[in-house]
Amino acid sequence: MLLSPQAERNWESLCSVLEDVLEDQSHRQLFALELGSGTGQHVIRFAQKMPFVTWQPSDIEEASRERNPEWGLPDIDVLRQHAYGNGLRLERMVEMEDYYKCLIFRKL
């Protein structure tokens, strides 16, 4: 099993953001897609803390990343356009530690 020390360090701050976003939603069954799940440590913690959400982890294939390390979506505007084209809108962007961002999209 792969473990990321960074994921262990920042899962609580991510959970805090998500709990704030989902504060009044525990009466509903929700679905959430996590992009860039890596080891899966975050999504496991999210599922434990927010059992009313069905979590779907995802990540770019390692073979694809090895072929072209620049693959991914470092430009948030590009990600926002892709999301909008698929029926989602950027609701919130939260600056996290180590230059990471937590982006919250909602279905239109």
PDB file of N, CA and C in Angstrom:
ATOM      1  N   MET A   1       0.842  -1.179   0.000  1.00  0.00           N
ATOM      2  CA  MET A   1       0.000   0.000   0.000  1.00  0.00           C
ATOM      3  C   MET A   1       0.887   1.242   0.000  1.00  0.00           C
ATOM      4  N   LEU A   2       0.600   2.157  -0.918  1.00  0.00           N
ATOM      5  CA  LEU A   2       1.341   3.408  -0.984  1.00  0.00           C
ATOM      6  C   LEU A   2       0.789   4.397   0.034  1.00  0.00           C
ATOM      7  N   LEU A   3       1.683   5.109   0.700  1.00  0.00           N
ATOM      8  CA  LEU A   3       1.279   6.143   1.643  1.00  0.00           C
ATOM      9  C   LEU A   3       2.031   7.425   1.334  1.00  0.00           C
ATOM     10  N   SER A   4       1.345   8.522   1.417  1.00  0.00           N
ATOM     11  CA  SER A   4       1.941   9.831   1.174  1.00  0.00           C
ATOM     12  C   SER A   4       1.958  10.625   2.475  1.00  0.00           C
ATOM     13  N   PRO A   5       3.151  11.004   2.959  1.00  0.00           N
ATOM     14  CA  PRO A   5       3.212  11.831   4.169  1.00  0.00           C
ATOM     15  C   PRO A   5       2.462  13.155   3.997  1.00  0.00           C
ATOM     16  N   GLN A   6       2.525  13.726   2.811  1.00  0.00           N
ATOM     17  CA  GLN A   6       1.829  14.988   2.555  1.00  0.00           C
ATOM     18  C   GLN A   6       0.310  14.810   2.661  1.00  0.00           C
ATOM     19  N   ALA A   7      -0.201  13.704   2.136  1.00  0.00           N
ATOM     20  CA  ALA A   7      -1.642  13.441   2.235  1.00  0.00           C
ATOM     21  C   ALA A   7      -2.059  13.310   3.698  1.00  0.00           C
ATOM     22  N   GLU A   8      -1.216  12.689   4.508  1.00  0.00           N
ATOM     23  CA  GLU A   8      -1.518  12.560   5.934  1.00  0.00           C
ATOM     24  C   GLU A   8      -1.495  13.916   6.627  1.00  0.00           C
ATOM     25  N   ARG A   9      -0.619  14.804   6.161  1.00  0.00           N
ATOM     26  CA  ARG A   9      -0.517  16.134   6.766  1.00  0.00           C
ATOM     27  C   ARG A   9      -1.711  17.025   6.447  1.00  0.00           C
ATOM     28  N   ASN A  10      -2.252  16.924   5.225  1.00  0.00           N
ATOM     29  CA  ASN A  10      -3.248  17.923   4.827  1.00  0.00           C
ATOM     30  C   ASN A  10      -4.688  17.415   4.717  1.00  0.00           C
ATOM     31  N   TRP A  11      -4.957  16.174   5.082  1.00  0.00           N
ATOM     32  CA  TRP A  11      -6.317  15.665   4.914  1.00  0.00           C
ATOM     33  C   TRP A  11      -7.322  16.406   5.797  1.00  0.00           C
ATOM     34  N   GLU A  12      -6.902  16.806   6.997  1.00  0.00           N
ATOM     35  CA  GLU A  12      -7.840  17.477   7.898  1.00  0.00           C
ATOM     36  C   GLU A  12      -8.265  18.840   7.356  1.00  0.00           C
ATOM     37  N   SER A  13      -7.322  19.582   6.766  1.00  0.00           N
ATOM     38  CA  SER A  13      -7.691  20.892   6.212  1.00  0.00           C
ATOM     39  C   SER A  13      -8.603  20.726   4.998  1.00  0.00           C
ATOM     40  N   LEU A  14      -8.364  19.699   4.184  1.00  0.00           N
ATOM     41  CA  LEU A  14      -9.260  19.425   3.053  1.00  0.00           C
ATOM     42  C   LEU A  14     -10.648  19.027   3.549  1.00  0.00           C
ATOM     43  N   CYS A  15     -10.699  18.170   4.550  1.00  0.00           N
ATOM     44  CA  CYS A  15     -11.993  17.754   5.117  1.00  0.00           C
ATOM     45  C   CYS A  15     -12.749  18.957   5.666  1.00  0.00           C
ATOM     46  N   SER A  16     -12.039  19.871   6.274  1.00  0.00           N
ATOM     47  CA  SER A  16     -12.667  21.066   6.819  1.00  0.00           C
ATOM     48  C   SER A  16     -13.343  21.884   5.720  1.00  0.00           C
ATOM     49  N   VAL A  17     -12.662  22.044   4.591  1.00  0.00           N
ATOM     50  CA  VAL A  17     -13.246  22.762   3.451  1.00  0.00           C
ATOM     51  C   VAL A  17     -14.494  22.035   2.966  1.00  0.00           C
ATOM     52  N   LEU A  18     -14.390  20.721   2.797  1.00  0.00           N
ATOM     53  CA  LEU A  18     -15.523  19.943   2.282  1.00  0.00           C
ATOM     54  C   LEU A  18     -16.700  19.940   3.252  1.00  0.00           C
ATOM     55  N   GLU A  19     -16.412  19.815   4.538  1.00  0.00           N
ATOM     56  CA  GLU A  19     -17.499  19.841   5.524  1.00  0.00           C
ATOM     57  C   GLU A  19     -18.206  21.194   5.517  1.00  0.00           C
ATOM     58  N   ASP A  20     -17.457  22.267   5.296  1.00  0.00           N
ATOM     59  CA  ASP A  20     -18.060  23.592   5.196  1.00  0.00           C
ATOM     60  C   ASP A  20     -18.966  23.679   3.967  1.00  0.00           C
ATOM     61  N   VAL A  21     -18.485  23.180   2.842  1.00  0.00           N
ATOM     62  CA  VAL A  21     -19.258  23.214   1.596  1.00  0.00           C
ATOM     63  C   VAL A  21     -20.519  22.354   1.712  1.00  0.00           C
ATOM     64  N   LEU A  22     -20.406  21.219   2.385  1.00  0.00           N
ATOM     65  CA  LEU A  22     -21.513  20.256   2.461  1.00  0.00           C
ATOM     66  C   LEU A  22     -22.304  20.357   3.767  1.00  0.00           C
ATOM     67  N   GLU A  23     -22.126  21.444   4.482  1.00  0.00           N
ATOM     68  CA  GLU A  23     -22.670  21.625   5.827  1.00  0.00           C
ATOM     69  C   GLU A  23     -24.133  21.214   5.985  1.00  0.00           C
ATOM     70  N   ASP A  24     -24.991  21.643   5.109  1.00  0.00           N
ATOM     71  CA  ASP A  24     -26.428  21.364   5.254  1.00  0.00           C
ATOM     72  C   ASP A  24     -26.914  20.265   4.317  1.00  0.00           C
ATOM     73  N   GLN A  25     -26.025  19.415   3.867  1.00  0.00           N
ATOM     74  CA  GLN A  25     -26.384  18.433   2.847  1.00  0.00           C
ATOM     75  C   GLN A  25     -26.447  16.996   3.362  1.00  0.00           C
ATOM     76  N   SER A  26     -26.229  16.782   4.649  1.00  0.00           N
ATOM     77  CA  SER A  26     -26.138  15.410   5.155  1.00  0.00           C
ATOM     78  C   SER A  26     -27.446  14.632   5.047  1.00  0.00           C
ATOM     79  N   HIS A  27     -28.551  15.303   4.768  1.00  0.00           N
ATOM     80  CA  HIS A  27     -29.842  14.621   4.604  1.00  0.00           C
ATOM     81  C   HIS A  27     -30.000  14.061   3.188  1.00  0.00           C
ATOM     82  N   ARG A  28     -29.066  14.385   2.289  1.00  0.00           N
ATOM     83  CA  ARG A  28     -29.135  13.952   0.886  1.00  0.00           C
ATOM     84  C   ARG A  28     -28.012  12.965   0.596  1.00  0.00           C
ATOM     85  N   GLN A  29     -28.229  12.102  -0.373  1.00  0.00           N
ATOM     86  CA  GLN A  29     -27.161  11.229  -0.858  1.00  0.00           C
ATOM     87  C   GLN A  29     -26.481  11.963  -2.012  1.00  0.00           C
ATOM     88  N   LEU A  30     -25.206  12.270  -1.862  1.00  0.00           N
ATOM     89  CA  LEU A  30     -24.472  13.048  -2.853  1.00  0.00           C
ATOM     90  C   LEU A  30     -23.406  12.202  -3.535  1.00  0.00           C
ATOM     91  N   PHE A  31     -22.914  12.701  -4.647  1.00  0.00           N
ATOM     92  CA  PHE A  31     -21.849  12.050  -5.402  1.00  0.00           C
ATOM     93  C   PHE A  31     -20.743  13.071  -5.608  1.00  0.00           C
ATOM     94  N   ALA A  32     -19.493  12.681  -5.355  1.00  0.00           N
ATOM     95  CA  ALA A  32     -18.360  13.591  -5.537  1.00  0.00           C
ATOM     96  C   ALA A  32     -17.237  12.884  -6.279  1.00  0.00           C
ATOM     97  N   LEU A  33     -16.657  13.580  -7.219  1.00  0.00           N
ATOM     98  CA  LEU A  33     -15.510  13.095  -7.979  1.00  0.00           C
ATOM     99  C   LEU A  33     -14.272  13.811  -7.466  1.00  0.00           C
ATOM    100  N   GLU A  34     -13.308  13.048  -6.983  1.00  0.00           N
ATOM    101  CA  GLU A  34     -12.037  13.627  -6.554  1.00  0.00           C
ATOM    102  C   GLU A  34     -11.040  13.472  -7.690  1.00  0.00           C
ATOM    103  N   LEU A  35     -10.491  14.583  -8.149  1.00  0.00           N
ATOM    104  CA  LEU A  35      -9.470  14.559  -9.198  1.00  0.00           C
ATOM    105  C   LEU A  35      -8.093  14.521  -8.554  1.00  0.00           C
ATOM    106  N   GLY A  36      -7.216  13.732  -9.122  1.00  0.00           N
ATOM    107  CA  GLY A  36      -5.850  13.652  -8.598  1.00  0.00           C
ATOM    108  C   GLY A  36      -5.790  12.915  -7.275  1.00  0.00           C
ATOM    109  N   SER A  37      -6.418  11.759  -7.200  1.00  0.00           N
ATOM    110  CA  SER A  37      -6.535  11.026  -5.938  1.00  0.00           C
ATOM    111  C   SER A  37      -5.233  10.405  -5.453  1.00  0.00           C
ATOM    112  N   GLY A  38      -4.300  10.170  -6.358  1.00  0.00           N
ATOM    113  CA  GLY A  38      -3.007   9.612  -5.938  1.00  0.00           C
ATOM    114  C   GLY A  38      -3.165   8.307  -5.185  1.00  0.00           C
ATOM    115  N   THR A  39      -2.689   8.286  -3.934  1.00  0.00           N
ATOM    116  CA  THR A  39      -2.709   7.064  -3.125  1.00  0.00           C
ATOM    117  C   THR A  39      -4.103   6.692  -2.634  1.00  0.00           C
ATOM    118  N   GLY A  40      -5.042   7.628  -2.711  1.00  0.00           N
ATOM    119  CA  GLY A  40      -6.402   7.364  -2.237  1.00  0.00           C
ATOM    120  C   GLY A  40      -6.615   7.670  -0.767  1.00  0.00           C
ATOM    121  N   GLN A  41      -5.582   8.164  -0.092  1.00  0.00           N
ATOM    122  CA  GLN A  41      -5.698   8.439   1.337  1.00  0.00           C
ATOM    123  C   GLN A  41      -6.774   9.479   1.641  1.00  0.00           C
ATOM    124  N   HIS A  42      -6.841  10.530   0.837  1.00  0.00           N
ATOM    125  CA  HIS A  42      -7.839  11.575   1.091  1.00  0.00           C
ATOM    126  C   HIS A  42      -9.248  11.032   0.949  1.00  0.00           C
ATOM    127  N   VAL A  43      -9.512  10.335  -0.145  1.00  0.00           N
ATOM    128  CA  VAL A  43     -10.877   9.878  -0.405  1.00  0.00           C
ATOM    129  C   VAL A  43     -11.336   8.887   0.675  1.00  0.00           C
ATOM    130  N   ILE A  44     -10.426   8.125   1.235  1.00  0.00           N
ATOM    131  CA  ILE A  44     -10.774   7.217   2.338  1.00  0.00           C
ATOM    132  C   ILE A  44     -11.216   8.030   3.554  1.00  0.00           C
ATOM    133  N   ARG A  45     -10.455   9.068   3.877  1.00  0.00           N
ATOM    134  CA  ARG A  45     -10.808   9.927   5.021  1.00  0.00           C
ATOM    135  C   ARG A  45     -12.126  10.662   4.771  1.00  0.00           C
ATOM    136  N   PHE A  46     -12.303  11.150   3.537  1.00  0.00           N
ATOM    137  CA  PHE A  46     -13.547  11.852   3.205  1.00  0.00           C
ATOM    138  C   PHE A  46     -14.745  10.928   3.421  1.00  0.00           C
ATOM    139  N   ALA A  47     -14.621   9.690   2.956  1.00  0.00           N
ATOM    140  CA  ALA A  47     -15.723   8.724   3.079  1.00  0.00           C
ATOM    141  C   ALA A  47     -16.033   8.429   4.546  1.00  0.00           C
ATOM    142  N   GLN A  48     -15.000   8.376   5.376  1.00  0.00           N
ATOM    143  CA  GLN A  48     -15.216   8.131   6.799  1.00  0.00           C
ATOM    144  C   GLN A  48     -15.923   9.308   7.467  1.00  0.00           C
ATOM    145  N   LYS A  49     -15.542  10.520   7.104  1.00  0.00           N
ATOM    146  CA  LYS A  49     -16.095  11.722   7.734  1.00  0.00           C
ATOM    147  C   LYS A  49     -17.452  12.137   7.157  1.00  0.00           C
ATOM    148  N   MET A  50     -17.689  11.797   5.875  1.00  0.00           N
ATOM    149  CA  MET A  50     -18.919  12.226   5.196  1.00  0.00           C
ATOM    150  C   MET A  50     -19.556  11.034   4.486  1.00  0.00           C
ATOM    151  N   PRO A  51     -20.161  10.114   5.254  1.00  0.00           N
ATOM    152  CA  PRO A  51     -20.704   8.887   4.667  1.00  0.00           C
ATOM    153  C   PRO A  51     -21.924   9.097   3.765  1.00  0.00           C
ATOM    154  N   PHE A  52     -22.508  10.279   3.773  1.00  0.00           N
ATOM    155  CA  PHE A  52     -23.653  10.577   2.905  1.00  0.00           C
ATOM    156  C   PHE A  52     -23.216  10.921   1.483  1.00  0.00           C
ATOM    157  N   VAL A  53     -21.905  10.922   1.250  1.00  0.00           N
ATOM    158  CA  VAL A  53     -21.361  11.201  -0.078  1.00  0.00           C
ATOM    159  C   VAL A  53     -20.757   9.925  -0.646  1.00  0.00           C
ATOM    160  N   THR A  54     -21.098   9.604  -1.894  1.00  0.00           N
ATOM    161  CA  THR A  54     -20.429   8.522  -2.618  1.00  0.00           C
ATOM    162  C   THR A  54     -19.232   9.161  -3.307  1.00  0.00           C
ATOM    163  N   TRP A  55     -18.041   8.735  -2.931  1.00  0.00           N
ATOM    164  CA  TRP A  55     -16.799   9.331  -3.436  1.00  0.00           C
ATOM    165  C   TRP A  55     -16.246   8.508  -4.586  1.00  0.00           C
ATOM    166  N   GLN A  56     -15.861   9.175  -5.648  1.00  0.00           N
ATOM    167  CA  GLN A  56     -15.230   8.522  -6.800  1.00  0.00           C
ATOM    168  C   GLN A  56     -13.827   9.105  -6.964  1.00  0.00           C
ATOM    169  N   PRO A  57     -12.800   8.322  -6.604  1.00  0.00           N
ATOM    170  CA  PRO A  57     -11.435   8.812  -6.820  1.00  0.00           C
ATOM    171  C   PRO A  57     -11.044   8.687  -8.289  1.00  0.00           C
ATOM    172  N   SER A  58     -10.126   9.522  -8.720  1.00  0.00           N
ATOM    173  CA  SER A  58      -9.606   9.431 -10.089  1.00  0.00           C
ATOM    174  C   SER A  58      -8.188   9.986 -10.115  1.00  0.00           C
ATOM    175  N   ASP A  59      -7.440   9.575 -11.099  1.00  0.00           N
ATOM    176  CA  ASP A  59      -6.081  10.081 -11.274  1.00  0.00           C
ATOM    177  C   ASP A  59      -5.642   9.805 -12.694  1.00  0.00           C
ATOM    178  N   ILE A  60      -4.669  10.559 -13.160  1.00  0.00           N
ATOM    179  CA  ILE A  60      -4.112  10.326 -14.480  1.00  0.00           C
ATOM    180  C   ILE A  60      -3.302   9.024 -14.421  1.00  0.00           C
ATOM    181  N   GLU A  61      -3.331   8.252 -15.487  1.00  0.00           N
ATOM    182  CA  GLU A  61      -2.588   6.995 -15.516  1.00  0.00           C
ATOM    183  C   GLU A  61      -1.096   7.275 -15.443  1.00  0.00           C
ATOM    184  N   GLU A  62      -0.391   6.487 -14.664  1.00  0.00           N
ATOM    185  CA  GLU A  62       1.055   6.657 -14.508  1.00  0.00           C
ATOM    186  C   GLU A  62       1.763   6.561 -15.852  1.00  0.00           C
ATOM    187  N   ALA A  63       1.333   5.630 -16.708  1.00  0.00           N
ATOM    188  CA  ALA A  63       1.965   5.477 -18.027  1.00  0.00           C
ATOM    189  C   ALA A  63       1.808   6.753 -18.848  1.00  0.00           C
ATOM    190  N   SER A  64       0.663   7.403 -18.743  1.00  0.00           N
ATOM    191  CA  SER A  64       0.444   8.663 -19.462  1.00  0.00           C
ATOM    192  C   SER A  64       1.346   9.760 -18.915  1.00  0.00           C
ATOM    193  N   ARG A  65       1.477   9.813 -17.615  1.00  0.00           N
ATOM    194  CA  ARG A  65       2.328  10.824 -16.988  1.00  0.00           C
ATOM    195  C   ARG A  65       3.788  10.616 -17.384  1.00  0.00           C
ATOM    196  N   GLU A  66       4.199   9.349 -17.480  1.00  0.00           N
ATOM    197  CA  GLU A  66       5.576   9.044 -17.877  1.00  0.00           C
ATOM    198  C   GLU A  66       5.834   9.440 -19.324  1.00  0.00           C
ATOM    199  N   ARG A  67       4.831   9.273 -20.198  1.00  0.00           N
ATOM    200  CA  ARG A  67       4.992   9.659 -21.607  1.00  0.00           C
ATOM    201  C   ARG A  67       5.149  11.163 -21.750  1.00  0.00           C
ATOM    202  N   ASN A  68       4.399  11.914 -20.956  1.00  0.00           N
ATOM    203  CA  ASN A  68       4.459  13.366 -21.049  1.00  0.00           C
ATOM    204  C   ASN A  68       4.196  13.961 -19.664  1.00  0.00           C
ATOM    205  N   PRO A  69       5.267  14.319 -18.935  1.00  0.00           N
ATOM    206  CA  PRO A  69       5.102  14.843 -17.577  1.00  0.00           C
ATOM    207  C   PRO A  69       4.293  16.137 -17.506  1.00  0.00           C
ATOM    208  N   GLU A  70       4.108  16.816 -18.634  1.00  0.00           N
ATOM    209  CA  GLU A  70       3.355  18.069 -18.631  1.00  0.00           C
ATOM    210  C   GLU A  70       1.846  17.843 -18.742  1.00  0.00           C
ATOM    211  N   TRP A  71       1.418  16.575 -18.946  1.00  0.00           N
ATOM    212  CA  TRP A  71      -0.012  16.306 -19.015  1.00  0.00           C
ATOM    213  C   TRP A  71      -0.642  16.624 -17.672  1.00  0.00           C
ATOM    214  N   GLY A  72      -1.843  17.022 -17.731  1.00  0.00           N
ATOM    215  CA  GLY A  72      -2.567  17.439 -16.539  1.00  0.00           C
ATOM    216  C   GLY A  72      -3.230  18.769 -16.843  1.00  0.00           C
ATOM    217  N   LEU A  73      -3.770  19.387 -15.854  1.00  0.00           N
ATOM    218  CA  LEU A  73      -4.447  20.666 -16.053  1.00  0.00           C
ATOM    219  C   LEU A  73      -3.933  21.693 -15.040  1.00  0.00           C
ATOM    220  N   PRO A  74      -2.709  22.191 -15.244  1.00  0.00           N
ATOM    221  CA  PRO A  74      -2.182  23.170 -14.302  1.00  0.00           C
ATOM    222  C   PRO A  74      -2.881  24.524 -14.404  1.00  0.00           C
ATOM    223  N   ASP A  75      -3.550  24.784 -15.525  1.00  0.00           N
ATOM    224  CA  ASP A  75      -4.237  26.059 -15.739  1.00  0.00           C
ATOM    225  C   ASP A  75      -5.689  25.926 -15.291  1.00  0.00           C
ATOM    226  N   ILE A  76      -6.049  26.619 -14.236  1.00  0.00           N
ATOM    227  CA  ILE A  76      -7.390  26.508 -13.675  1.00  0.00           C
ATOM    228  C   ILE A  76      -8.454  26.977 -14.659  1.00  0.00           C
ATOM    229  N   ASP A  77      -8.129  27.956 -15.491  1.00  0.00           N
ATOM    230  CA  ASP A  77      -9.105  28.423 -16.484  1.00  0.00           C
ATOM    231  C   ASP A  77      -9.457  27.326 -17.482  1.00  0.00           C
ATOM    232  N   VAL A  78      -8.459  26.521 -17.867  1.00  0.00           N
ATOM    233  CA  VAL A  78      -8.722  25.395 -18.773  1.00  0.00           C
ATOM    234  C   VAL A  78      -9.624  24.382 -18.071  1.00  0.00           C
ATOM    235  N   LEU A  79      -9.322  24.082 -16.827  1.00  0.00           N
ATOM    236  CA  LEU A  79     -10.145  23.151 -16.050  1.00  0.00           C
ATOM    237  C   LEU A  79     -11.572  23.689 -15.911  1.00  0.00           C
ATOM    238  N   ARG A  80     -11.703  24.975 -15.640  1.00  0.00           N
ATOM    239  CA  ARG A  80     -13.024  25.596 -15.507  1.00  0.00           C
ATOM    240  C   ARG A  80     -13.820  25.456 -16.808  1.00  0.00           C
ATOM    241  N   GLN A  81     -13.166  25.660 -17.956  1.00  0.00           N
ATOM    242  CA  GLN A  81     -13.837  25.527 -19.251  1.00  0.00           C
ATOM    243  C   GLN A  81     -14.283  24.090 -19.498  1.00  0.00           C
ATOM    244  N   HIS A  82     -13.397  23.124 -19.194  1.00  0.00           N
ATOM    245  CA  HIS A  82     -13.765  21.711 -19.354  1.00  0.00           C
ATOM    246  C   HIS A  82     -14.946  21.366 -18.445  1.00  0.00           C
ATOM    247  N   ALA A  83     -14.899  21.849 -17.223  1.00  0.00           N
ATOM    248  CA  ALA A  83     -15.979  21.570 -16.277  1.00  0.00           C
ATOM    249  C   ALA A  83     -17.295  22.156 -16.778  1.00  0.00           C
ATOM    250  N   TYR A  84     -17.267  23.399 -17.218  1.00  0.00           N
ATOM    251  CA  TYR A  84     -18.486  24.051 -17.700  1.00  0.00           C
ATOM    252  C   TYR A  84     -19.057  23.301 -18.901  1.00  0.00           C
ATOM    253  N   GLY A  85     -18.172  22.848 -19.787  1.00  0.00           N
ATOM    254  CA  GLY A  85     -18.606  22.076 -20.948  1.00  0.00           C
ATOM    255  C   GLY A  85     -19.239  20.748 -20.576  1.00  0.00           C
ATOM    256  N   ASN A  86     -19.012  20.319 -19.326  1.00  0.00           N
ATOM    257  CA  ASN A  86     -19.588  19.069 -18.835  1.00  0.00           C
ATOM    258  C   ASN A  86     -20.633  19.301 -17.743  1.00  0.00           C
ATOM    259  N   GLY A  87     -21.196  20.501 -17.726  1.00  0.00           N
ATOM    260  CA  GLY A  87     -22.306  20.769 -16.817  1.00  0.00           C
ATOM    261  C   GLY A  87     -21.926  21.103 -15.388  1.00  0.00           C
ATOM    262  N   LEU A  88     -20.710  21.586 -15.171  1.00  0.00           N
ATOM    263  CA  LEU A  88     -20.266  21.947 -13.824  1.00  0.00           C
ATOM    264  C   LEU A  88     -19.818  23.400 -13.798  1.00  0.00           C
ATOM    265  N   ARG A  89     -19.942  24.028 -12.627  1.00  0.00           N
ATOM    266  CA  ARG A  89     -19.416  25.389 -12.484  1.00  0.00           C
ATOM    267  C   ARG A  89     -18.516  25.442 -11.255  1.00  0.00           C
ATOM    268  N   LEU A  90     -17.484  26.259 -11.357  1.00  0.00           N
ATOM    269  CA  LEU A  90     -16.582  26.450 -10.225  1.00  0.00           C
ATOM    270  C   LEU A  90     -17.302  27.289  -9.178  1.00  0.00           C
ATOM    271  N   GLU A  91     -17.492  26.707  -8.017  1.00  0.00           N
ATOM    272  CA  GLU A  91     -18.195  27.399  -6.939  1.00  0.00           C
ATOM    273  C   GLU A  91     -17.228  28.083  -5.987  1.00  0.00           C
ATOM    274  N   ARG A  92     -16.125  27.433  -5.726  1.00  0.00           N
ATOM    275  CA  ARG A  92     -15.206  27.951  -4.720  1.00  0.00           C
ATOM    276  C   ARG A  92     -13.793  27.454  -5.000  1.00  0.00           C
ATOM    277  N   MET A  93     -12.822  28.325  -4.732  1.00  0.00           N
ATOM    278  CA  MET A  93     -11.418  27.934  -4.813  1.00  0.00           C
ATOM    279  C   MET A  93     -10.769  28.338  -3.491  1.00  0.00           C
ATOM    280  N   VAL A  94     -10.186  27.369  -2.808  1.00  0.00           N
ATOM    281  CA  VAL A  94      -9.578  27.613  -1.504  1.00  0.00           C
ATOM    282  C   VAL A  94      -8.080  27.352  -1.617  1.00  0.00           C
ATOM    283  N   GLU A  95      -7.287  28.351  -1.236  1.00  0.00           N
ATOM    284  CA  GLU A  95      -5.833  28.192  -1.212  1.00  0.00           C
ATOM    285  C   GLU A  95      -5.475  27.270  -0.048  1.00  0.00           C
ATOM    286  N   MET A  96      -4.637  26.282  -0.327  1.00  0.00           N
ATOM    287  CA  MET A  96      -4.211  25.336   0.694  1.00  0.00           C
ATOM    288  C   MET A  96      -2.704  25.490   0.906  1.00  0.00           C
ATOM    289  N   GLU A  97      -2.159  24.728   1.829  1.00  0.00           N
ATOM    290  CA  GLU A  97      -0.716  24.779   2.076  1.00  0.00           C
ATOM    291  C   GLU A  97       0.056  24.220   0.887  1.00  0.00           C
ATOM    292  N   ASP A  98       1.318  24.525   0.827  1.00  0.00           N
ATOM    293  CA  ASP A  98       2.226  24.019  -0.214  1.00  0.00           C
ATOM    294  C   ASP A  98       1.753  24.361  -1.623  1.00  0.00           C
ATOM    295  N   TYR A  99       1.124  25.503  -1.799  1.00  0.00           N
ATOM    296  CA  TYR A  99       0.704  26.000  -3.117  1.00  0.00           C
ATOM    297  C   TYR A  99      -0.420  25.188  -3.756  1.00  0.00           C
ATOM    298  N   TYR A 100      -1.066  24.314  -3.015  1.00  0.00           N
ATOM    299  CA  TYR A 100      -2.182  23.551  -3.560  1.00  0.00           C
ATOM    300  C   TYR A 100      -3.456  24.369  -3.458  1.00  0.00           C
ATOM    301  N   LYS A 101      -4.432  23.978  -4.265  1.00  0.00           N
ATOM    302  CA  LYS A 101      -5.743  24.615  -4.224  1.00  0.00           C
ATOM    303  C   LYS A 101      -6.810  23.526  -4.143  1.00  0.00           C
ATOM    304  N   CYS A 102      -7.867  23.821  -3.431  1.00  0.00           N
ATOM    305  CA  CYS A 102      -9.033  22.940  -3.386  1.00  0.00           C
ATOM    306  C   CYS A 102     -10.108  23.622  -4.221  1.00  0.00           C
ATOM    307  N   LEU A 103     -10.486  22.991  -5.322  1.00  0.00           N
ATOM    308  CA  LEU A 103     -11.491  23.552  -6.222  1.00  0.00           C
ATOM    309  C   LEU A 103     -12.801  22.798  -6.028  1.00  0.00           C
ATOM    310  N   ILE A 104     -13.863  23.531  -5.783  1.00  0.00           N
ATOM    311  CA  ILE A 104     -15.180  22.939  -5.579  1.00  0.00           C
ATOM    312  C   ILE A 104     -16.044  23.289  -6.785  1.00  0.00           C
ATOM    313  N   PHE A 105     -16.484  22.263  -7.504  1.00  0.00           N
ATOM    314  CA  PHE A 105     -17.383  22.433  -8.645  1.00  0.00           C
ATOM    315  C   PHE A 105     -18.743  21.864  -8.270  1.00  0.00           C
ATOM    316  N   ARG A 106     -19.786  22.453  -8.805  1.00  0.00           N
ATOM    317  CA  ARG A 106     -21.145  21.933  -8.617  1.00  0.00           C
ATOM    318  C   ARG A 106     -21.801  21.746  -9.963  1.00  0.00           C
ATOM    319  N   LYS A 107     -22.716  20.791  -9.994  1.00  0.00           N
ATOM    320  CA  LYS A 107     -23.493  20.536 -11.197  1.00  0.00           C
ATOM    321  C   LYS A 107     -24.410  21.721 -11.470  1.00  0.00           C
ATOM    322  N   LEU A 108     -24.485  22.127 -12.733  1.00  0.00           N
ATOM    323  CA  LEU A 108     -25.363  23.250 -13.110  1.00  0.00           C
ATOM    324  C   LEU A 108     -26.821  22.860 -12.974  1.00  0.00           C
TER     325      LEU A 108
END
